């Protein structure tokens, strides 16, 4: 089963050199153990564009779609046999990137 492991932050600061090195080690482990599918970092909320085309005319606005002190800054998509394994991996990912993590299964 695949899981989205979201990295959540409340700061606009990027990973420190130490955090970046720990993330690289964690990524290598995910790859070596066959859990790696894809990962990436994201720009801050100030780089977001929201498109709402539910009405008669599309509405395009700058900025995040929700007002929040926390936002998604990166993610992993991992392969794990069950939620327990996904949570154990996410726990290590949280330690590596020094940020909160949210785990959700793909439907």
PDB file of N, CA and C in Angstrom:
ATOM      1  N   UNK A   1       0.847  -1.181   0.000  1.00  0.00           N
ATOM      2  CA  UNK A   1       0.000   0.000   0.000  1.00  0.00           C
ATOM      3  C   UNK A   1       0.892   1.244   0.000  1.00  0.00           C
ATOM      4  N   UNK A   2       0.428   2.277  -0.639  1.00  0.00           N
ATOM      5  CA  UNK A   2       1.191   3.524  -0.671  1.00  0.00           C
ATOM      6  C   UNK A   2       0.600   4.528   0.313  1.00  0.00           C
ATOM      7  N   UNK A   3       1.498   5.337   0.883  1.00  0.00           N
ATOM      8  CA  UNK A   3       1.124   6.345   1.865  1.00  0.00           C
ATOM      9  C   UNK A   3       1.750   7.685   1.493  1.00  0.00           C
ATOM     10  N   UNK A   4       1.007   8.746   1.736  1.00  0.00           N
ATOM     11  CA  UNK A   4       1.528  10.102   1.632  1.00  0.00           C
ATOM     12  C   UNK A   4       2.012  10.505   3.017  1.00  0.00           C
ATOM     13  N   UNK A   5       3.280  10.836   3.107  1.00  0.00           N
ATOM     14  CA  UNK A   5       3.877  11.285   4.361  1.00  0.00           C
ATOM     15  C   UNK A   5       4.185  12.767   4.181  1.00  0.00           C
ATOM     16  N   UNK A   6       3.356  13.615   4.777  1.00  0.00           N
ATOM     17  CA  UNK A   6       3.462  15.061   4.610  1.00  0.00           C
ATOM     18  C   UNK A   6       4.333  15.670   5.693  1.00  0.00           C
ATOM     19  N   UNK A   7       5.200  16.589   5.294  1.00  0.00           N
ATOM     20  CA  UNK A   7       6.054  17.317   6.233  1.00  0.00           C
ATOM     21  C   UNK A   7       5.395  18.668   6.498  1.00  0.00           C
ATOM     22  N   UNK A   8       5.134  18.940   7.766  1.00  0.00           N
ATOM     23  CA  UNK A   8       4.394  20.141   8.161  1.00  0.00           C
ATOM     24  C   UNK A   8       5.314  21.062   8.951  1.00  0.00           C
ATOM     25  N   UNK A   9       5.242  22.353   8.656  1.00  0.00           N
ATOM     26  CA  UNK A   9       6.080  23.317   9.367  1.00  0.00           C
ATOM     27  C   UNK A   9       5.286  24.589   9.649  1.00  0.00           C
ATOM     28  N   UNK A  10       5.815  25.397  10.525  1.00  0.00           N
ATOM     29  CA  UNK A  10       5.229  26.709  10.797  1.00  0.00           C
ATOM     30  C   UNK A  10       6.273  27.798  10.589  1.00  0.00           C
ATOM     31  N   UNK A  11       7.346  27.450   9.885  1.00  0.00           N
ATOM     32  CA  UNK A  11       8.445  28.377   9.660  1.00  0.00           C
ATOM     33  C   UNK A  11       8.766  28.435   8.173  1.00  0.00           C
ATOM     34  N   UNK A  12       9.208  29.581   7.713  1.00  0.00           N
ATOM     35  CA  UNK A  12       9.614  29.708   6.312  1.00  0.00           C
ATOM     36  C   UNK A  12      11.070  29.288   6.102  1.00  0.00           C
ATOM     37  N   UNK A  13      11.748  28.903   7.175  1.00  0.00           N
ATOM     38  CA  UNK A  13      13.151  28.497   7.065  1.00  0.00           C
ATOM     39  C   UNK A  13      13.245  27.111   6.459  1.00  0.00           C
ATOM     40  N   UNK A  14      14.187  26.949   5.538  1.00  0.00           N
ATOM     41  CA  UNK A  14      14.432  25.647   4.935  1.00  0.00           C
ATOM     42  C   UNK A  14      15.241  24.785   5.892  1.00  0.00           C
ATOM     43  N   UNK A  15      15.430  23.540   5.535  1.00  0.00           N
ATOM     44  CA  UNK A  15      16.202  22.620   6.361  1.00  0.00           C
ATOM     45  C   UNK A  15      17.622  23.138   6.554  1.00  0.00           C
ATOM     46  N   UNK A  16      18.151  22.948   7.745  1.00  0.00           N
ATOM     47  CA  UNK A  16      19.545  23.276   8.007  1.00  0.00           C
ATOM     48  C   UNK A  16      20.427  22.255   7.298  1.00  0.00           C
ATOM     49  N   UNK A  17      21.729  22.507   7.245  1.00  0.00           N
ATOM     50  CA  UNK A  17      22.647  21.543   6.641  1.00  0.00           C
ATOM     51  C   UNK A  17      22.576  20.198   7.359  1.00  0.00           C
ATOM     52  N   UNK A  18      22.471  20.244   8.678  1.00  0.00           N
ATOM     53  CA  UNK A  18      22.386  19.014   9.473  1.00  0.00           C
ATOM     54  C   UNK A  18      21.084  18.253   9.165  1.00  0.00           C
ATOM     55  N   UNK A  19      19.974  18.984   9.083  1.00  0.00           N
ATOM     56  CA  UNK A  19      18.698  18.349   8.749  1.00  0.00           C
ATOM     57  C   UNK A  19      18.736  17.787   7.333  1.00  0.00           C
ATOM     58  N   UNK A  20      19.317  18.531   6.402  1.00  0.00           N
ATOM     59  CA  UNK A  20      19.431  18.059   5.026  1.00  0.00           C
ATOM     60  C   UNK A  20      20.225  16.765   4.934  1.00  0.00           C
ATOM     61  N   UNK A  21      21.304  16.677   5.692  1.00  0.00           N
ATOM     62  CA  UNK A  21      22.116  15.458   5.701  1.00  0.00           C
ATOM     63  C   UNK A  21      21.314  14.289   6.279  1.00  0.00           C
ATOM     64  N   UNK A  22      20.565  14.542   7.350  1.00  0.00           N
ATOM     65  CA  UNK A  22      19.752  13.488   7.962  1.00  0.00           C
ATOM     66  C   UNK A  22      18.648  13.037   7.008  1.00  0.00           C
ATOM     67  N   UNK A  23      18.068  13.971   6.271  1.00  0.00           N
ATOM     68  CA  UNK A  23      17.031  13.632   5.285  1.00  0.00           C
ATOM     69  C   UNK A  23      17.629  12.769   4.180  1.00  0.00           C
ATOM     70  N   UNK A  24      18.841  13.106   3.732  1.00  0.00           N
ATOM     71  CA  UNK A  24      19.510  12.306   2.701  1.00  0.00           C
ATOM     72  C   UNK A  24      19.738  10.871   3.173  1.00  0.00           C
ATOM     73  N   UNK A  25      20.153  10.712   4.424  1.00  0.00           N
ATOM     74  CA  UNK A  25      20.364   9.375   4.989  1.00  0.00           C
ATOM     75  C   UNK A  25      19.037   8.620   5.036  1.00  0.00           C
ATOM     76  N   UNK A  26      17.985   9.292   5.494  1.00  0.00           N
ATOM     77  CA  UNK A  26      16.668   8.664   5.557  1.00  0.00           C
ATOM     78  C   UNK A  26      16.183   8.279   4.158  1.00  0.00           C
ATOM     79  N   UNK A  27      16.345   9.163   3.174  1.00  0.00           N
ATOM     80  CA  UNK A  27      15.946   8.862   1.799  1.00  0.00           C
ATOM     81  C   UNK A  27      16.691   7.643   1.266  1.00  0.00           C
ATOM     82  N   UNK A  28      17.983   7.564   1.549  1.00  0.00           N
ATOM     83  CA  UNK A  28      18.783   6.416   1.101  1.00  0.00           C
ATOM     84  C   UNK A  28      18.269   5.123   1.722  1.00  0.00           C
ATOM     85  N   UNK A  29      17.892   5.183   2.992  1.00  0.00           N
ATOM     86  CA  UNK A  29      17.343   4.002   3.660  1.00  0.00           C
ATOM     87  C   UNK A  29      16.024   3.583   3.020  1.00  0.00           C
ATOM     88  N   UNK A  30      15.132   4.564   2.767  1.00  0.00           N
ATOM     89  CA  UNK A  30      13.865   4.233   2.112  1.00  0.00           C
ATOM     90  C   UNK A  30      14.102   3.538   0.771  1.00  0.00           C
ATOM     91  N   UNK A  31      15.066   4.041   0.018  1.00  0.00           N
ATOM     92  CA  UNK A  31      15.372   3.465  -1.289  1.00  0.00           C
ATOM     93  C   UNK A  31      15.942   2.062  -1.138  1.00  0.00           C
ATOM     94  N   UNK A  32      16.895   1.881  -0.215  1.00  0.00           N
ATOM     95  CA  UNK A  32      17.552   0.592  -0.025  1.00  0.00           C
ATOM     96  C   UNK A  32      16.577  -0.491   0.439  1.00  0.00           C
ATOM     97  N   UNK A  33      15.574  -0.097   1.228  1.00  0.00           N
ATOM     98  CA  UNK A  33      14.635  -1.065   1.789  1.00  0.00           C
ATOM     99  C   UNK A  33      13.368  -1.232   0.939  1.00  0.00           C
ATOM    100  N   UNK A  34      13.312  -0.547  -0.199  1.00  0.00           N
ATOM    101  CA  UNK A  34      12.190  -0.716  -1.119  1.00  0.00           C
ATOM    102  C   UNK A  34      10.930   0.051  -0.750  1.00  0.00           C
ATOM    103  N   UNK A  35      11.044   1.042   0.144  1.00  0.00           N
ATOM    104  CA  UNK A  35       9.879   1.842   0.535  1.00  0.00           C
ATOM    105  C   UNK A  35       9.721   3.105  -0.314  1.00  0.00           C
ATOM    106  N   UNK A  36      10.769   3.509  -1.004  1.00  0.00           N
ATOM    107  CA  UNK A  36      10.793   4.761  -1.752  1.00  0.00           C
ATOM    108  C   UNK A  36       9.895   4.692  -2.981  1.00  0.00           C
ATOM    109  N   UNK A  37       9.024   5.673  -3.148  1.00  0.00           N
ATOM    110  CA  UNK A  37       8.285   5.860  -4.388  1.00  0.00           C
ATOM    111  C   UNK A  37       8.668   7.218  -4.974  1.00  0.00           C
ATOM    112  N   UNK A  38       8.528   8.279  -4.169  1.00  0.00           N
ATOM    113  CA  UNK A  38       8.812   9.629  -4.645  1.00  0.00           C
ATOM    114  C   UNK A  38       8.851  10.555  -3.438  1.00  0.00           C
ATOM    115  N   UNK A  39       9.588  11.649  -3.551  1.00  0.00           N
ATOM    116  CA  UNK A  39       9.620  12.656  -2.489  1.00  0.00           C
ATOM    117  C   UNK A  39       9.933  14.008  -3.106  1.00  0.00           C
ATOM    118  N   UNK A  40       9.599  15.068  -2.384  1.00  0.00           N
ATOM    119  CA  UNK A  40       9.920  16.400  -2.868  1.00  0.00           C
ATOM    120  C   UNK A  40       9.657  17.463  -1.827  1.00  0.00           C
ATOM    121  N   UNK A  41      10.365  18.551  -1.968  1.00  0.00           N
ATOM    122  CA  UNK A  41      10.128  19.730  -1.146  1.00  0.00           C
ATOM    123  C   UNK A  41       9.237  20.693  -1.912  1.00  0.00           C
ATOM    124  N   UNK A  42       8.549  21.533  -1.178  1.00  0.00           N
ATOM    125  CA  UNK A  42       7.629  22.488  -1.800  1.00  0.00           C
ATOM    126  C   UNK A  42       7.989  23.915  -1.418  1.00  0.00           C
ATOM    127  N   UNK A  43       7.658  24.856  -2.290  1.00  0.00           N
ATOM    128  CA  UNK A  43       7.809  26.269  -1.966  1.00  0.00           C
ATOM    129  C   UNK A  43       6.846  26.656  -0.853  1.00  0.00           C
ATOM    130  N   UNK A  44       7.125  27.759  -0.210  1.00  0.00           N
ATOM    131  CA  UNK A  44       6.273  28.239   0.869  1.00  0.00           C
ATOM    132  C   UNK A  44       4.922  28.695   0.367  1.00  0.00           C
ATOM    133  N   UNK A  45       4.007  28.991   1.289  1.00  0.00           N
ATOM    134  CA  UNK A  45       2.657  29.397   0.895  1.00  0.00           C
ATOM    135  C   UNK A  45       2.629  30.651   0.037  1.00  0.00           C
ATOM    136  N   UNK A  46       3.649  31.494   0.152  1.00  0.00           N
ATOM    137  CA  UNK A  46       3.672  32.716  -0.658  1.00  0.00           C
ATOM    138  C   UNK A  46       3.893  32.425  -2.137  1.00  0.00           C
ATOM    139  N   UNK A  47       4.273  31.177  -2.478  1.00  0.00           N
ATOM    140  CA  UNK A  47       4.469  30.807  -3.875  1.00  0.00           C
ATOM    141  C   UNK A  47       3.255  30.101  -4.468  1.00  0.00           C
ATOM    142  N   UNK A  48       2.207  29.910  -3.657  1.00  0.00           N
ATOM    143  CA  UNK A  48       1.026  29.153  -4.091  1.00  0.00           C
ATOM    144  C   UNK A  48       0.104  29.994  -4.968  1.00  0.00           C
ATOM    145  N   UNK A  49      -0.566  29.334  -5.875  1.00  0.00           N
ATOM    146  CA  UNK A  49      -1.645  29.910  -6.661  1.00  0.00           C
ATOM    147  C   UNK A  49      -2.835  28.975  -6.540  1.00  0.00           C
ATOM    148  N   UNK A  50      -3.997  29.536  -6.238  1.00  0.00           N
ATOM    149  CA  UNK A  50      -5.211  28.747  -6.072  1.00  0.00           C
ATOM    150  C   UNK A  50      -6.141  29.022  -7.255  1.00  0.00           C
ATOM    151  N   UNK A  51      -6.666  27.951  -7.831  1.00  0.00           N
ATOM    152  CA  UNK A  51      -7.592  28.065  -8.952  1.00  0.00           C
ATOM    153  C   UNK A  51      -8.917  27.443  -8.527  1.00  0.00           C
ATOM    154  N   UNK A  52      -9.996  28.204  -8.656  1.00  0.00           N
ATOM    155  CA  UNK A  52     -11.340  27.725  -8.332  1.00  0.00           C
ATOM    156  C   UNK A  52     -12.203  27.873  -9.572  1.00  0.00           C
ATOM    157  N   UNK A  53     -12.460  26.765 -10.233  1.00  0.00           N
ATOM    158  CA  UNK A  53     -13.252  26.779 -11.459  1.00  0.00           C
ATOM    159  C   UNK A  53     -14.582  26.050 -11.248  1.00  0.00           C
ATOM    160  N   UNK A  54     -15.158  26.213 -10.061  1.00  0.00           N
ATOM    161  CA  UNK A  54     -16.436  25.572  -9.760  1.00  0.00           C
ATOM    162  C   UNK A  54     -17.624  26.390 -10.234  1.00  0.00           C
ATOM    163  N   UNK A  55     -17.415  27.646 -10.508  1.00  0.00           N
ATOM    164  CA  UNK A  55     -18.509  28.521 -10.928  1.00  0.00           C
ATOM    165  C   UNK A  55     -18.469  28.776 -12.414  1.00  0.00           C
ATOM    166  N   UNK A  56     -19.083  29.887 -12.802  1.00  0.00           N
ATOM    167  CA  UNK A  56     -19.148  30.250 -14.213  1.00  0.00           C
ATOM    168  C   UNK A  56     -17.823  30.705 -14.782  1.00  0.00           C
ATOM    169  N   UNK A  57     -17.013  31.343 -13.964  1.00  0.00           N
ATOM    170  CA  UNK A  57     -15.711  31.850 -14.399  1.00  0.00           C
ATOM    171  C   UNK A  57     -14.626  31.332 -13.453  1.00  0.00           C
ATOM    172  N   UNK A  58     -13.474  30.928 -13.991  1.00  0.00           N
ATOM    173  CA  UNK A  58     -12.395  30.512 -13.101  1.00  0.00           C
ATOM    174  C   UNK A  58     -11.856  31.702 -12.302  1.00  0.00           C
ATOM    175  N   UNK A  59     -11.573  31.454 -11.039  1.00  0.00           N
ATOM    176  CA  UNK A  59     -11.001  32.467 -10.163  1.00  0.00           C
ATOM    177  C   UNK A  59      -9.586  32.022  -9.796  1.00  0.00           C
ATOM    178  N   UNK A  60      -8.599  32.843 -10.135  1.00  0.00           N
ATOM    179  CA  UNK A  60      -7.202  32.535  -9.855  1.00  0.00           C
ATOM    180  C   UNK A  60      -6.696  33.553  -8.858  1.00  0.00           C
ATOM    181  N   UNK A  61      -6.208  33.055  -7.709  1.00  0.00           N
ATOM    182  CA  UNK A  61      -5.706  33.947  -6.665  1.00  0.00           C
ATOM    183  C   UNK A  61      -4.353  33.479  -6.176  1.00  0.00           C
ATOM    184  N   UNK A  62      -3.547  34.429  -5.731  1.00  0.00           N
ATOM    185  CA  UNK A  62      -2.257  34.113  -5.133  1.00  0.00           C
ATOM    186  C   UNK A  62      -2.448  33.705  -3.683  1.00  0.00           C
ATOM    187  N   UNK A  63      -1.535  32.877  -3.219  1.00  0.00           N
ATOM    188  CA  UNK A  63      -1.528  32.531  -1.807  1.00  0.00           C
ATOM    189  C   UNK A  63      -2.176  31.206  -1.502  1.00  0.00           C
ATOM    190  N   UNK A  64      -2.041  30.773  -0.265  1.00  0.00           N
ATOM    191  CA  UNK A  64      -2.565  29.459   0.124  1.00  0.00           C
ATOM    192  C   UNK A  64      -4.088  29.447   0.156  1.00  0.00           C
ATOM    193  N   UNK A  65      -4.647  28.263   0.072  1.00  0.00           N
ATOM    194  CA  UNK A  65      -6.107  28.131   0.048  1.00  0.00           C
ATOM    195  C   UNK A  65      -6.716  28.161   1.437  1.00  0.00           C
ATOM    196  N   UNK A  66      -5.927  28.029   2.476  1.00  0.00           N
ATOM    197  CA  UNK A  66      -6.435  28.125   3.849  1.00  0.00           C
ATOM    198  C   UNK A  66      -5.558  29.076   4.644  1.00  0.00           C
ATOM    199  N   UNK A  67      -6.134  29.684   5.633  1.00  0.00           N
ATOM    200  CA  UNK A  67      -5.370  30.507   6.560  1.00  0.00           C
ATOM    201  C   UNK A  67      -4.924  29.603   7.698  1.00  0.00           C
ATOM    202  N   UNK A  68      -3.633  29.429   7.834  1.00  0.00           N
ATOM    203  CA  UNK A  68      -3.121  28.508   8.836  1.00  0.00           C
ATOM    204  C   UNK A  68      -1.718  28.941   9.248  1.00  0.00           C
ATOM    205  N   UNK A  69      -1.350  28.616  10.466  1.00  0.00           N
ATOM    206  CA  UNK A  69       0.007  28.883  10.930  1.00  0.00           C
ATOM    207  C   UNK A  69       0.958  27.793  10.458  1.00  0.00           C
ATOM    208  N   UNK A  70       0.411  26.636  10.084  1.00  0.00           N
ATOM    209  CA  UNK A  70       1.217  25.526   9.599  1.00  0.00           C
ATOM    210  C   UNK A  70       0.875  25.236   8.149  1.00  0.00           C
ATOM    211  N   UNK A  71       1.849  24.703   7.428  1.00  0.00           N
ATOM    212  CA  UNK A  71       1.609  24.383   6.033  1.00  0.00           C
ATOM    213  C   UNK A  71       2.508  23.246   5.588  1.00  0.00           C
ATOM    214  N   UNK A  72       2.171  22.673   4.463  1.00  0.00           N
ATOM    215  CA  UNK A  72       2.915  21.570   3.871  1.00  0.00           C
ATOM    216  C   UNK A  72       4.169  22.119   3.205  1.00  0.00           C
ATOM    217  N   UNK A  73       5.333  21.582   3.594  1.00  0.00           N
ATOM    218  CA  UNK A  73       6.605  22.055   3.040  1.00  0.00           C
ATOM    219  C   UNK A  73       7.310  20.979   2.217  1.00  0.00           C
ATOM    220  N   UNK A  74       6.856  19.738   2.356  1.00  0.00           N
ATOM    221  CA  UNK A  74       7.463  18.645   1.606  1.00  0.00           C
ATOM    222  C   UNK A  74       6.689  17.368   1.836  1.00  0.00           C
ATOM    223  N   UNK A  75       7.121  16.300   1.168  1.00  0.00           N
ATOM    224  CA  UNK A  75       6.398  15.040   1.290  1.00  0.00           C
ATOM    225  C   UNK A  75       7.252  13.875   0.825  1.00  0.00           C
ATOM    226  N   UNK A  76       6.869  12.713   1.267  1.00  0.00           N
ATOM    227  CA  UNK A  76       7.339  11.446   0.728  1.00  0.00           C
ATOM    228  C   UNK A  76       6.112  10.654   0.313  1.00  0.00           C
ATOM    229  N   UNK A  77       6.218   9.898  -0.738  1.00  0.00           N
ATOM    230  CA  UNK A  77       5.254   8.858  -1.036  1.00  0.00           C
ATOM    231  C   UNK A  77       6.016   7.558  -0.846  1.00  0.00           C
ATOM    232  N   UNK A  78       5.525   6.743   0.078  1.00  0.00           N
ATOM    233  CA  UNK A  78       6.240   5.518   0.422  1.00  0.00           C
ATOM    234  C   UNK A  78       5.360   4.301   0.160  1.00  0.00           C
ATOM    235  N   UNK A  79       6.010   3.177   0.022  1.00  0.00           N
ATOM    236  CA  UNK A  79       5.356   1.881  -0.090  1.00  0.00           C
ATOM    237  C   UNK A  79       5.603   1.158   1.221  1.00  0.00           C
ATOM    238  N   UNK A  80       4.533   0.689   1.849  1.00  0.00           N
ATOM    239  CA  UNK A  80       4.662  -0.044   3.105  1.00  0.00           C
ATOM    240  C   UNK A  80       3.585  -1.123   3.148  1.00  0.00           C
ATOM    241  N   UNK A  81       3.877  -2.274   3.766  1.00  0.00           N
ATOM    242  CA  UNK A  81       2.903  -3.353   3.789  1.00  0.00           C
ATOM    243  C   UNK A  81       1.666  -3.047   4.630  1.00  0.00           C
ATOM    244  N   UNK A  82       1.816  -2.131   5.609  1.00  0.00           N
ATOM    245  CA  UNK A  82       0.676  -1.792   6.460  1.00  0.00           C
ATOM    246  C   UNK A  82       0.933  -0.459   7.163  1.00  0.00           C
ATOM    247  N   UNK A  83      -0.099   0.024   7.860  1.00  0.00           N
ATOM    248  CA  UNK A  83      -0.015   1.318   8.525  1.00  0.00           C
ATOM    249  C   UNK A  83       1.070   1.335   9.606  1.00  0.00           C
ATOM    250  N   UNK A  84       1.252   0.247  10.315  1.00  0.00           N
ATOM    251  CA  UNK A  84       2.271   0.215  11.371  1.00  0.00           C
ATOM    252  C   UNK A  84       3.662   0.490  10.812  1.00  0.00           C
ATOM    253  N   UNK A  85       3.988  -0.119   9.684  1.00  0.00           N
ATOM    254  CA  UNK A  85       5.288   0.123   9.050  1.00  0.00           C
ATOM    255  C   UNK A  85       5.369   1.566   8.568  1.00  0.00           C
ATOM    256  N   UNK A  86       4.292   2.065   7.956  1.00  0.00           N
ATOM    257  CA  UNK A  86       4.276   3.455   7.479  1.00  0.00           C
ATOM    258  C   UNK A  86       4.488   4.428   8.633  1.00  0.00           C
ATOM    259  N   UNK A  87       3.851   4.177   9.774  1.00  0.00           N
ATOM    260  CA  UNK A  87       4.004   5.065  10.930  1.00  0.00           C
ATOM    261  C   UNK A  87       5.414   4.990  11.502  1.00  0.00           C
ATOM    262  N   UNK A  88       5.999   3.808  11.519  1.00  0.00           N
ATOM    263  CA  UNK A  88       7.374   3.675  12.009  1.00  0.00           C
ATOM    264  C   UNK A  88       8.344   4.439  11.111  1.00  0.00           C
ATOM    265  N   UNK A  89       8.150   4.329   9.799  1.00  0.00           N
ATOM    266  CA  UNK A  89       9.003   5.072   8.869  1.00  0.00           C
ATOM    267  C   UNK A  89       8.788   6.573   9.016  1.00  0.00           C
ATOM    268  N   UNK A  90       7.530   6.991   9.145  1.00  0.00           N
ATOM    269  CA  UNK A  90       7.224   8.413   9.291  1.00  0.00           C
ATOM    270  C   UNK A  90       7.824   8.973  10.580  1.00  0.00           C
ATOM    271  N   UNK A  91       7.860   8.174  11.622  1.00  0.00           N
ATOM    272  CA  UNK A  91       8.475   8.596  12.884  1.00  0.00           C
ATOM    273  C   UNK A  91       9.954   8.899  12.672  1.00  0.00           C
ATOM    274  N   UNK A  92      10.624   8.048  11.894  1.00  0.00           N
ATOM    275  CA  UNK A  92      12.038   8.299  11.577  1.00  0.00           C
ATOM    276  C   UNK A  92      12.187   9.509  10.661  1.00  0.00           C
ATOM    277  N   UNK A  93      11.251   9.687   9.734  1.00  0.00           N
ATOM    278  CA  UNK A  93      11.289  10.858   8.856  1.00  0.00           C
ATOM    279  C   UNK A  93      11.118  12.148   9.630  1.00  0.00           C
ATOM    280  N   UNK A  94      10.239  12.137  10.622  1.00  0.00           N
ATOM    281  CA  UNK A  94      10.031  13.317  11.472  1.00  0.00           C
ATOM    282  C   UNK A  94      11.314  13.684  12.203  1.00  0.00           C
ATOM    283  N   UNK A  95      12.008  12.683  12.694  1.00  0.00           N
ATOM    284  CA  UNK A  95      13.277  12.921  13.397  1.00  0.00           C
ATOM    285  C   UNK A  95      14.310  13.495  12.420  1.00  0.00           C
ATOM    286  N   UNK A  96      14.369  12.924  11.213  1.00  0.00           N
ATOM    287  CA  UNK A  96      15.363  13.359  10.227  1.00  0.00           C
ATOM    288  C   UNK A  96      15.155  14.806   9.813  1.00  0.00           C
ATOM    289  N   UNK A  97      13.907  15.189   9.524  1.00  0.00           N
ATOM    290  CA  UNK A  97      13.670  16.547   9.029  1.00  0.00           C
ATOM    291  C   UNK A  97      13.346  17.534  10.148  1.00  0.00           C
ATOM    292  N   UNK A  98      13.193  17.024  11.372  1.00  0.00           N
ATOM    293  CA  UNK A  98      12.951  17.871  12.546  1.00  0.00           C
ATOM    294  C   UNK A  98      11.660  18.674  12.407  1.00  0.00           C
ATOM    295  N   UNK A  99      10.625  18.007  11.886  1.00  0.00           N
ATOM    296  CA  UNK A  99       9.327  18.642  11.701  1.00  0.00           C
ATOM    297  C   UNK A  99       8.217  17.641  11.951  1.00  0.00           C
ATOM    298  N   UNK A 100       6.995  18.145  12.110  1.00  0.00           N
ATOM    299  CA  UNK A 100       5.852  17.259  12.276  1.00  0.00           C
ATOM    300  C   UNK A 100       5.553  16.567  10.953  1.00  0.00           C
ATOM    301  N   UNK A 101       4.952  15.399  11.077  1.00  0.00           N
ATOM    302  CA  UNK A 101       4.629  14.561   9.910  1.00  0.00           C
ATOM    303  C   UNK A 101       3.169  14.128  10.012  1.00  0.00           C
ATOM    304  N   UNK A 102       2.507  14.089   8.871  1.00  0.00           N
ATOM    305  CA  UNK A 102       1.156  13.519   8.796  1.00  0.00           C
ATOM    306  C   UNK A 102       1.203  12.358   7.802  1.00  0.00           C
ATOM    307  N   UNK A 103       0.554  11.248   8.144  1.00  0.00           N
ATOM    308  CA  UNK A 103       0.537  10.062   7.284  1.00  0.00           C
ATOM    309  C   UNK A 103      -0.899   9.790   6.843  1.00  0.00           C
ATOM    310  N   UNK A 104      -1.067   9.576   5.530  1.00  0.00           N
ATOM    311  CA  UNK A 104      -2.389   9.227   4.988  1.00  0.00           C
ATOM    312  C   UNK A 104      -2.221   8.145   3.937  1.00  0.00           C
ATOM    313  N   UNK A 105      -3.075   7.118   3.980  1.00  0.00           N
ATOM    314  CA  UNK A 105      -3.022   6.098   2.927  1.00  0.00           C
ATOM    315  C   UNK A 105      -3.666   6.623   1.647  1.00  0.00           C
ATOM    316  N   UNK A 106      -3.148   6.150   0.512  1.00  0.00           N
ATOM    317  CA  UNK A 106      -3.826   6.413  -0.760  1.00  0.00           C
ATOM    318  C   UNK A 106      -5.048   5.527  -0.827  1.00  0.00           C
ATOM    319  N   UNK A 107      -6.121   6.010  -1.404  1.00  0.00           N
ATOM    320  CA  UNK A 107      -7.343   5.227  -1.537  1.00  0.00           C
ATOM    321  C   UNK A 107      -7.266   4.317  -2.740  1.00  0.00           C
TER     322      UNK A 107
END
